[in-house]
Amino acid sequence: MSTGLVLSVFPGIDLLGRAFEEEGYCVVRGPDLLWGGDIRTFHPPAGVFEGVIGGPPCQLWSRMRFINPHVGKHGNLIPEFERVVVEAQPAWFLMENVPSAPVPNVDAYVSSAAIVQDRWVGGVQPRERRFTLGSSEGHTLDIPWAALMRPRSHHVTLAGYGLAPGQRHSVLADARRIPVRLLADGSVKAGANGKTVIPIEDACEAMGLPRDFTKEMPFTMRGKRSVIGNGVPMAMGRA
């Protein structure tokens, strides 16, 4: 079945769906808490969508659960992703999550998984995610690592410390060997001095987005950082 229609569940601002749109798919977005929706009451029609994509909330299995007792308060929603796949009956599904999260298991689909680091597929961050492909036709996940990977000598820092955001041109402009890692709230992982907050423009670029991507979003600055930090880097989605 090849309809070109893809259902995106748990979309948030749907950077994963954005990557699929770049490849020519028509992405239909399901409900999300960000917009007041509830996946538990969502029932897609069968046989309409070629694929189902999504990343159920990952906080329950992230390292943040050891720091913040409220992390993961919505519980394990991977079974809801599996249910949607069963109801939609697509030819394939793709789920992303943190490496320690359970792998989805859906009858009648052959599943294959891979741990992907953003900079292994053309991005700039050491952020890791597990991608699981389920196929009703037995296809497996095949990522062209050699074609996408950045040279190991190419590291990225947040260039232009001490400059106003409008004076910065790119987070890719500085050759100092300090890798970028965004936390779920859009800040950069820091050392003993605590959490470092970077300009939202730099956070967008580190995710592979235009620097002004959040300019028209109707969110507070904290909200913008949160939705960007919880997204899938564009390089990962394209891979």
C-alpha atoms as a PDB file:
ATOM      1  CA  MET A   1       0.000   0.000   0.000  1.00  0.00           C
ATOM      2  CA  SER A   2       1.520   3.311  -1.084  1.00  0.00           C
ATOM      3  CA  THR A   3      -0.820   6.238  -0.498  1.00  0.00           C
ATOM      4  CA  GLY A   4       1.718   8.888   0.472  1.00  0.00           C
ATOM      5  CA  LEU A   5      -0.341   9.545   3.612  1.00  0.00           C
ATOM      6  CA  VAL A   6       1.438   9.308   6.953  1.00  0.00           C
ATOM      7  CA  LEU A   7      -0.223   9.586  10.365  1.00  0.00           C
ATOM      8  CA  SER A   8       1.908  11.333  12.989  1.00  0.00           C
ATOM      9  CA  VAL A   9       0.962  10.643  16.615  1.00  0.00           C
ATOM     10  CA  PHE A  10       2.357  12.403  19.699  1.00  0.00           C
ATOM     11  CA  PRO A  11       3.401  15.116  17.222  1.00  0.00           C
ATOM     12  CA  GLY A  12       4.135  18.134  19.419  1.00  0.00           C
ATOM     13  CA  ILE A  13       5.441  20.640  16.867  1.00  0.00           C
ATOM     14  CA  ASP A  14       6.219  17.550  14.758  1.00  0.00           C
ATOM     15  CA  LEU A  15       9.791  17.919  13.571  1.00  0.00           C
ATOM     16  CA  LEU A  16       9.730  14.229  12.613  1.00  0.00           C
ATOM     17  CA  GLY A  17       6.660  14.827  10.466  1.00  0.00           C
ATOM     18  CA  ARG A  18       8.357  17.877   8.964  1.00  0.00           C
ATOM     19  CA  ALA A  19      11.220  15.662   7.780  1.00  0.00           C
ATOM     20  CA  PHE A  20       8.729  13.274   6.141  1.00  0.00           C
ATOM     21  CA  GLU A  21       7.016  16.220   4.438  1.00  0.00           C
ATOM     22  CA  GLU A  22      10.377  17.218   2.972  1.00  0.00           C
ATOM     23  CA  GLU A  23      10.479  13.765   1.374  1.00  0.00           C
ATOM     24  CA  GLY A  24       7.103  14.290  -0.287  1.00  0.00           C
ATOM     25  CA  TYR A  25       4.730  12.615   2.180  1.00  0.00           C
ATOM     26  CA  CYS A  26       1.410  14.155   3.200  1.00  0.00           C
ATOM     27  CA  VAL A  27       1.483  14.096   7.007  1.00  0.00           C
ATOM     28  CA  VAL A  28      -1.750  14.056   9.014  1.00  0.00           C
ATOM     29  CA  ARG A  29      -1.224  14.930  12.669  1.00  0.00           C
ATOM     30  CA  GLY A  30      -3.053  13.191  15.466  1.00  0.00           C
ATOM     31  CA  PRO A  31      -3.909  14.598  18.915  1.00  0.00           C
ATOM     32  CA  ASP A  32      -1.291  15.929  21.301  1.00  0.00           C
ATOM     33  CA  LEU A  33      -1.403  17.240  24.868  1.00  0.00           C
ATOM     34  CA  LEU A  34       0.228  20.422  23.578  1.00  0.00           C
ATOM     35  CA  TRP A  35      -3.023  21.233  21.770  1.00  0.00           C
ATOM     36  CA  GLY A  36      -5.397  19.736  24.342  1.00  0.00           C
ATOM     37  CA  GLY A  37      -5.727  16.354  22.609  1.00  0.00           C
ATOM     38  CA  ASP A  38      -5.705  12.867  24.139  1.00  0.00           C
ATOM     39  CA  ILE A  39      -4.283   9.879  22.272  1.00  0.00           C
ATOM     40  CA  ARG A  40      -6.408   7.527  24.394  1.00  0.00           C
ATOM     41  CA  THR A  41      -9.606   8.707  22.709  1.00  0.00           C
ATOM     42  CA  PHE A  42      -8.168   8.717  19.184  1.00  0.00           C
ATOM     43  CA  HIS A  43      -9.158   5.978  16.726  1.00  0.00           C
ATOM     44  CA  PRO A  44      -7.804   6.207  13.161  1.00  0.00           C
ATOM     45  CA  PRO A  45      -9.548   4.571  10.189  1.00  0.00           C
ATOM     46  CA  ALA A  46      -8.068   1.323   8.881  1.00  0.00           C
ATOM     47  CA  GLY A  47      -6.284   1.095   5.561  1.00  0.00           C
ATOM     48  CA  VAL A  48      -5.992   4.838   4.914  1.00  0.00           C
ATOM     49  CA  PHE A  49      -2.422   5.583   5.970  1.00  0.00           C
ATOM     50  CA  GLU A  50       0.709   4.151   4.388  1.00  0.00           C
ATOM     51  CA  GLY A  51       2.697   4.718   7.575  1.00  0.00           C
ATOM     52  CA  VAL A  52       2.378   5.718  11.224  1.00  0.00           C
ATOM     53  CA  ILE A  53       5.163   7.711  12.881  1.00  0.00           C
ATOM     54  CA  GLY A  54       5.638   9.140  16.338  1.00  0.00           C
ATOM     55  CA  GLY A  55       7.556   9.402  19.557  1.00  0.00           C
ATOM     56  CA  PRO A  56       5.570   8.657  22.722  1.00  0.00           C
ATOM     57  CA  PRO A  57       6.706  10.784  25.695  1.00  0.00           C
ATOM     58  CA  CYS A  58      10.184   9.629  26.661  1.00  0.00           C
ATOM     59  CA  GLN A  59      10.605  11.164  30.121  1.00  0.00           C
ATOM     60  CA  LEU A  60       9.637   7.944  31.913  1.00  0.00           C
ATOM     61  CA  TRP A  61      12.859   6.337  30.628  1.00  0.00           C
ATOM     62  CA  SER A  62      15.120   9.380  30.428  1.00  0.00           C
ATOM     63  CA  ARG A  63      17.813  10.296  32.928  1.00  0.00           C
ATOM     64  CA  MET A  64      15.645  13.229  34.013  1.00  0.00           C
ATOM     65  CA  ARG A  65      13.477  10.791  35.996  1.00  0.00           C
ATOM     66  CA  PHE A  66      16.261  10.612  38.592  1.00  0.00           C
ATOM     67  CA  ILE A  67      16.216  14.395  39.015  1.00  0.00           C
ATOM     68  CA  ASN A  68      12.568  15.418  38.683  1.00  0.00           C
ATOM     69  CA  PRO A  69       9.949  13.219  40.418  1.00  0.00           C
ATOM     70  CA  HIS A  70       7.204  14.648  38.178  1.00  0.00           C
ATOM     71  CA  VAL A  71       8.875  13.444  34.982  1.00  0.00           C
ATOM     72  CA  GLY A  72       6.921  10.655  33.326  1.00  0.00           C
ATOM     73  CA  LYS A  73       3.651  11.579  35.050  1.00  0.00           C
ATOM     74  CA  HIS A  74       1.651  10.524  31.979  1.00  0.00           C
ATOM     75  CA  GLY A  75       2.974   6.971  32.239  1.00  0.00           C
ATOM     76  CA  ASN A  76       3.930   4.561  29.481  1.00  0.00           C
ATOM     77  CA  LEU A  77       2.122   5.557  26.282  1.00  0.00           C
ATOM     78  CA  ILE A  78       3.975   3.184  23.966  1.00  0.00           C
ATOM     79  CA  PRO A  79       1.003   0.744  24.181  1.00  0.00           C
ATOM     80  CA  GLU A  80      -1.166   3.569  22.785  1.00  0.00           C
ATOM     81  CA  PHE A  81       1.214   3.889  19.837  1.00  0.00           C
ATOM     82  CA  GLU A  82       0.946   0.131  19.288  1.00  0.00           C
ATOM     83  CA  ARG A  83      -2.861   0.319  19.471  1.00  0.00           C
ATOM     84  CA  VAL A  84      -2.999   3.079  16.862  1.00  0.00           C
ATOM     85  CA  VAL A  85      -0.843   0.979  14.527  1.00  0.00           C
ATOM     86  CA  VAL A  86      -3.149  -2.027  14.983  1.00  0.00           C
ATOM     87  CA  GLU A  87      -6.223   0.106  14.231  1.00  0.00           C
ATOM     88  CA  ALA A  88      -4.718   2.006  11.283  1.00  0.00           C
ATOM     89  CA  GLN A  89      -3.201  -1.113   9.654  1.00  0.00           C
ATOM     90  CA  PRO A  90      -0.442   0.781   7.791  1.00  0.00           C
ATOM     91  CA  ALA A  91       2.205  -0.877   5.644  1.00  0.00           C
ATOM     92  CA  TRP A  92       4.853   0.304   8.100  1.00  0.00           C
ATOM     93  CA  PHE A  93       5.428   2.284  11.284  1.00  0.00           C
ATOM     94  CA  LEU A  94       8.365   4.224  12.708  1.00  0.00           C
ATOM     95  CA  MET A  95       8.693   4.998  16.417  1.00  0.00           C
ATOM     96  CA  GLU A  96      11.441   7.076  17.999  1.00  0.00           C
ATOM     97  CA  ASN A  97      12.340   7.263  21.665  1.00  0.00           C
ATOM     98  CA  VAL A  98      15.288   7.354  24.042  1.00  0.00           C
ATOM     99  CA  PRO A  99      17.567   4.283  23.862  1.00  0.00           C
ATOM    100  CA  SER A 100      16.348   2.892  27.201  1.00  0.00           C
ATOM    101  CA  ALA A 101      12.637   2.934  26.266  1.00  0.00           C
ATOM    102  CA  PRO A 102      10.875  -0.346  25.371  1.00  0.00           C
ATOM    103  CA  VAL A 103      10.774  -1.332  21.706  1.00  0.00           C
ATOM    104  CA  PRO A 104       7.229  -1.407  20.255  1.00  0.00           C
ATOM    105  CA  ASN A 105       5.850  -4.850  19.508  1.00  0.00           C
ATOM    106  CA  VAL A 106       2.976  -5.154  17.025  1.00  0.00           C
ATOM    107  CA  ASP A 107       1.791  -8.507  15.680  1.00  0.00           C
ATOM    108  CA  ALA A 108       2.152  -9.049  11.910  1.00  0.00           C
ATOM    109  CA  TYR A 109       4.997  -6.520  11.647  1.00  0.00           C
ATOM    110  CA  VAL A 110       8.696  -7.345  11.357  1.00  0.00           C
ATOM    111  CA  SER A 111      10.566  -4.855  13.550  1.00  0.00           C
ATOM    112  CA  SER A 112      14.144  -3.632  13.311  1.00  0.00           C
ATOM    113  CA  ALA A 113      15.748  -0.962  15.473  1.00  0.00           C
ATOM    114  CA  ALA A 114      18.843   1.214  15.472  1.00  0.00           C
ATOM    115  CA  ILE A 115      20.393   3.694  17.883  1.00  0.00           C
ATOM    116  CA  VAL A 116      20.986   6.917  15.964  1.00  0.00           C
ATOM    117  CA  GLN A 117      23.132   9.832  17.086  1.00  0.00           C
ATOM    118  CA  ASP A 118      22.356  13.165  15.466  1.00  0.00           C
ATOM    119  CA  ARG A 119      25.891  13.816  14.264  1.00  0.00           C
ATOM    120  CA  TRP A 120      26.119  10.312  12.771  1.00  0.00           C
ATOM    121  CA  VAL A 121      23.508  11.315  10.199  1.00  0.00           C
ATOM    122  CA  GLY A 122      24.598  14.842   9.347  1.00  0.00           C
ATOM    123  CA  GLY A 123      23.487  16.755  12.451  1.00  0.00           C
ATOM    124  CA  VAL A 124      25.617  18.536  15.040  1.00  0.00           C
ATOM    125  CA  GLN A 125      24.519  17.113  18.407  1.00  0.00           C
ATOM    126  CA  PRO A 126      25.581  13.974  20.294  1.00  0.00           C
ATOM    127  CA  ARG A 127      21.892  13.368  21.079  1.00  0.00           C
ATOM    128  CA  GLU A 128      20.881   9.713  20.733  1.00  0.00           C
ATOM    129  CA  ARG A 129      17.517   8.158  19.915  1.00  0.00           C
ATOM    130  CA  ARG A 130      16.339   4.678  19.074  1.00  0.00           C
ATOM    131  CA  PHE A 131      14.326   4.358  15.875  1.00  0.00           C
ATOM    132  CA  THR A 132      12.194   1.247  15.376  1.00  0.00           C
ATOM    133  CA  LEU A 133      10.792   0.397  11.959  1.00  0.00           C
ATOM    134  CA  GLY A 134       7.928  -2.066  11.749  1.00  0.00           C
ATOM    135  CA  SER A 135       7.075  -3.457   8.314  1.00  0.00           C
ATOM    136  CA  SER A 136       4.227  -5.690   7.222  1.00  0.00           C
ATOM    137  CA  GLU A 137       6.336  -6.676   4.207  1.00  0.00           C
ATOM    138  CA  GLY A 138       9.487  -7.598   6.111  1.00  0.00           C
ATOM    139  CA  HIS A 139      11.550  -4.506   5.289  1.00  0.00           C
ATOM    140  CA  THR A 140      14.259  -3.539   7.800  1.00  0.00           C
ATOM    141  CA  LEU A 141      15.757  -0.222   8.847  1.00  0.00           C
ATOM    142  CA  ASP A 142      18.584   0.706   6.471  1.00  0.00           C
ATOM    143  CA  ILE A 143      20.439   3.953   7.198  1.00  0.00           C
ATOM    144  CA  PRO A 144      23.237   5.075   4.815  1.00  0.00           C
ATOM    145  CA  TRP A 145      25.658   5.892   7.645  1.00  0.00           C
ATOM    146  CA  ALA A 146      28.727   6.483   5.458  1.00  0.00           C
ATOM    147  CA  ALA A 147      26.946   8.991   3.244  1.00  0.00           C
ATOM    148  CA  LEU A 148      25.469  10.982   6.128  1.00  0.00           C
ATOM    149  CA  MET A 149      28.076  10.979   8.909  1.00  0.00           C
ATOM    150  CA  ARG A 150      30.046  14.128   9.666  1.00  0.00           C
ATOM    151  CA  PRO A 151      33.845  13.775   9.903  1.00  0.00           C
ATOM    152  CA  ARG A 152      34.894  13.088  13.495  1.00  0.00           C
ATOM    153  CA  SER A 153      37.122  16.158  13.457  1.00  0.00           C
ATOM    154  CA  HIS A 154      34.110  18.397  12.850  1.00  0.00           C
ATOM    155  CA  HIS A 155      32.748  19.465  16.216  1.00  0.00           C
ATOM    156  CA  VAL A 156      30.323  22.253  16.902  1.00  0.00           C
ATOM    157  CA  THR A 157      29.977  24.833  19.624  1.00  0.00           C
ATOM    158  CA  LEU A 158      27.523  27.597  20.228  1.00  0.00           C
ATOM    159  CA  ALA A 159      29.472  30.367  18.539  1.00  0.00           C
ATOM    160  CA  GLY A 160      29.506  33.982  19.571  1.00  0.00           C
ATOM    161  CA  TYR A 161      29.291  33.975  23.364  1.00  0.00           C
ATOM    162  CA  GLY A 162      29.233  37.590  24.479  1.00  0.00           C
ATOM    163  CA  LEU A 163      27.384  38.735  21.362  1.00  0.00           C
ATOM    164  CA  ALA A 164      23.750  39.707  21.131  1.00  0.00           C
ATOM    165  CA  PRO A 165      21.604  37.060  19.376  1.00  0.00           C
ATOM    166  CA  GLY A 166      21.177  39.387  16.409  1.00  0.00           C
ATOM    167  CA  GLN A 167      24.964  39.568  15.979  1.00  0.00           C
ATOM    168  CA  ARG A 168      25.408  35.783  15.757  1.00  0.00           C
ATOM    169  CA  HIS A 169      25.446  34.302  12.306  1.00  0.00           C
ATOM    170  CA  SER A 170      25.620  30.569  12.990  1.00  0.00           C
ATOM    171  CA  VAL A 171      26.228  27.982  15.703  1.00  0.00           C
ATOM    172  CA  LEU A 172      28.286  26.154  13.071  1.00  0.00           C
ATOM    173  CA  ALA A 173      30.799  28.963  12.625  1.00  0.00           C
ATOM    174  CA  ASP A 174      33.145  28.180  15.516  1.00  0.00           C
ATOM    175  CA  ALA A 175      35.715  25.394  15.138  1.00  0.00           C
ATOM    176  CA  ARG A 176      36.363  24.896  18.860  1.00  0.00           C
ATOM    177  CA  ARG A 177      35.782  21.280  19.833  1.00  0.00           C
ATOM    178  CA  ILE A 178      32.814  21.586  22.153  1.00  0.00           C
ATOM    179  CA  PRO A 179      29.835  19.430  21.140  1.00  0.00           C
ATOM    180  CA  VAL A 180      26.272  20.670  21.418  1.00  0.00           C
ATOM    181  CA  ARG A 181      23.684  18.781  23.448  1.00  0.00           C
ATOM    182  CA  LEU A 182      20.273  20.277  24.021  1.00  0.00           C
ATOM    183  CA  LEU A 183      18.240  19.260  27.045  1.00  0.00           C
ATOM    184  CA  ALA A 184      14.482  18.760  26.878  1.00  0.00           C
ATOM    185  CA  ASP A 185      13.863  22.408  27.747  1.00  0.00           C
ATOM    186  CA  GLY A 186      16.077  23.643  24.928  1.00  0.00           C
ATOM    187  CA  SER A 187      19.075  24.530  27.093  1.00  0.00           C
ATOM    188  CA  VAL A 188      22.608  23.230  26.659  1.00  0.00           C
ATOM    189  CA  LYS A 189      24.051  20.585  28.930  1.00  0.00           C
ATOM    190  CA  ALA A 190      26.626  22.332  31.092  1.00  0.00           C
ATOM    191  CA  GLY A 191      29.294  21.387  33.589  1.00  0.00           C
ATOM    192  CA  ALA A 192      29.801  22.258  37.238  1.00  0.00           C
ATOM    193  CA  ASN A 193      28.552  25.799  36.733  1.00  0.00           C
ATOM    194  CA  GLY A 194      25.008  24.573  36.144  1.00  0.00           C
ATOM    195  CA  LYS A 195      22.638  24.708  33.206  1.00  0.00           C
ATOM    196  CA  THR A 196      23.505  27.133  30.424  1.00  0.00           C
ATOM    197  CA  VAL A 197      20.646  28.765  28.568  1.00  0.00           C
ATOM    198  CA  ILE A 198      21.384  29.498  24.915  1.00  0.00           C
ATOM    199  CA  PRO A 199      19.562  31.875  22.584  1.00  0.00           C
ATOM    200  CA  ILE A 200      16.511  30.272  21.021  1.00  0.00           C
ATOM    201  CA  GLU A 201      17.972  31.007  17.574  1.00  0.00           C
ATOM    202  CA  ASP A 202      20.980  28.829  18.375  1.00  0.00           C
ATOM    203  CA  ALA A 203      18.745  26.086  19.766  1.00  0.00           C
ATOM    204  CA  CYS A 204      16.768  26.039  16.513  1.00  0.00           C
ATOM    205  CA  GLU A 205      19.879  25.830  14.370  1.00  0.00           C
ATOM    206  CA  ALA A 206      21.336  23.024  16.473  1.00  0.00           C
ATOM    207  CA  MET A 207      18.157  21.070  15.675  1.00  0.00           C
ATOM    208  CA  GLY A 208      18.580  21.700  11.944  1.00  0.00           C
ATOM    209  CA  LEU A 209      15.864  24.366  11.800  1.00  0.00           C
ATOM    210  CA  PRO A 210      15.840  27.958  10.512  1.00  0.00           C
ATOM    211  CA  ARG A 211      17.087  30.337  13.192  1.00  0.00           C
ATOM    212  CA  ASP A 212      13.751  32.192  13.210  1.00  0.00           C
ATOM    213  CA  PHE A 213      11.686  28.981  13.354  1.00  0.00           C
ATOM    214  CA  THR A 214       9.915  29.905  16.624  1.00  0.00           C
ATOM    215  CA  LYS A 215       9.387  33.586  15.810  1.00  0.00           C
ATOM    216  CA  GLU A 216       5.633  33.318  15.173  1.00  0.00           C
ATOM    217  CA  MET A 217       4.887  30.562  17.711  1.00  0.00           C
ATOM    218  CA  PRO A 218       2.221  31.601  20.264  1.00  0.00           C
ATOM    219  CA  PHE A 219       4.301  30.293  23.191  1.00  0.00           C
ATOM    220  CA  THR A 220       6.314  31.833  25.987  1.00  0.00           C
ATOM    221  CA  MET A 221      10.091  31.645  25.621  1.00  0.00           C
ATOM    222  CA  ARG A 222      10.116  28.744  28.077  1.00  0.00           C
ATOM    223  CA  GLY A 223       7.466  26.990  25.990  1.00  0.00           C
ATOM    224  CA  LYS A 224       9.436  27.535  22.793  1.00  0.00           C
ATOM    225  CA  ARG A 225      12.551  26.053  24.365  1.00  0.00           C
ATOM    226  CA  SER A 226      10.571  23.070  25.623  1.00  0.00           C
ATOM    227  CA  VAL A 227       8.970  22.143  22.289  1.00  0.00           C
ATOM    228  CA  ILE A 228      12.268  22.566  20.435  1.00  0.00           C
ATOM    229  CA  GLY A 229      14.197  20.507  22.990  1.00  0.00           C
ATOM    230  CA  ASN A 230      11.600  17.714  22.889  1.00  0.00           C
ATOM    231  CA  GLY A 231      11.688  17.486  19.097  1.00  0.00           C
ATOM    232  CA  VAL A 232      13.576  15.112  16.812  1.00  0.00           C
ATOM    233  CA  PRO A 233      16.600  16.779  15.166  1.00  0.00           C
ATOM    234  CA  MET A 234      15.900  17.240  11.475  1.00  0.00           C
ATOM    235  CA  ALA A 235      18.950  15.237  10.405  1.00  0.00           C
ATOM    236  CA  MET A 236      17.615  12.200  12.283  1.00  0.00           C
ATOM    237  CA  GLY A 237      14.190  12.496  10.687  1.00  0.00           C
ATOM    238  CA  ARG A 238      15.651  12.808   7.202  1.00  0.00           C
ATOM    239  CA  ALA A 239      17.857   9.745   7.686  1.00  0.00           C
END
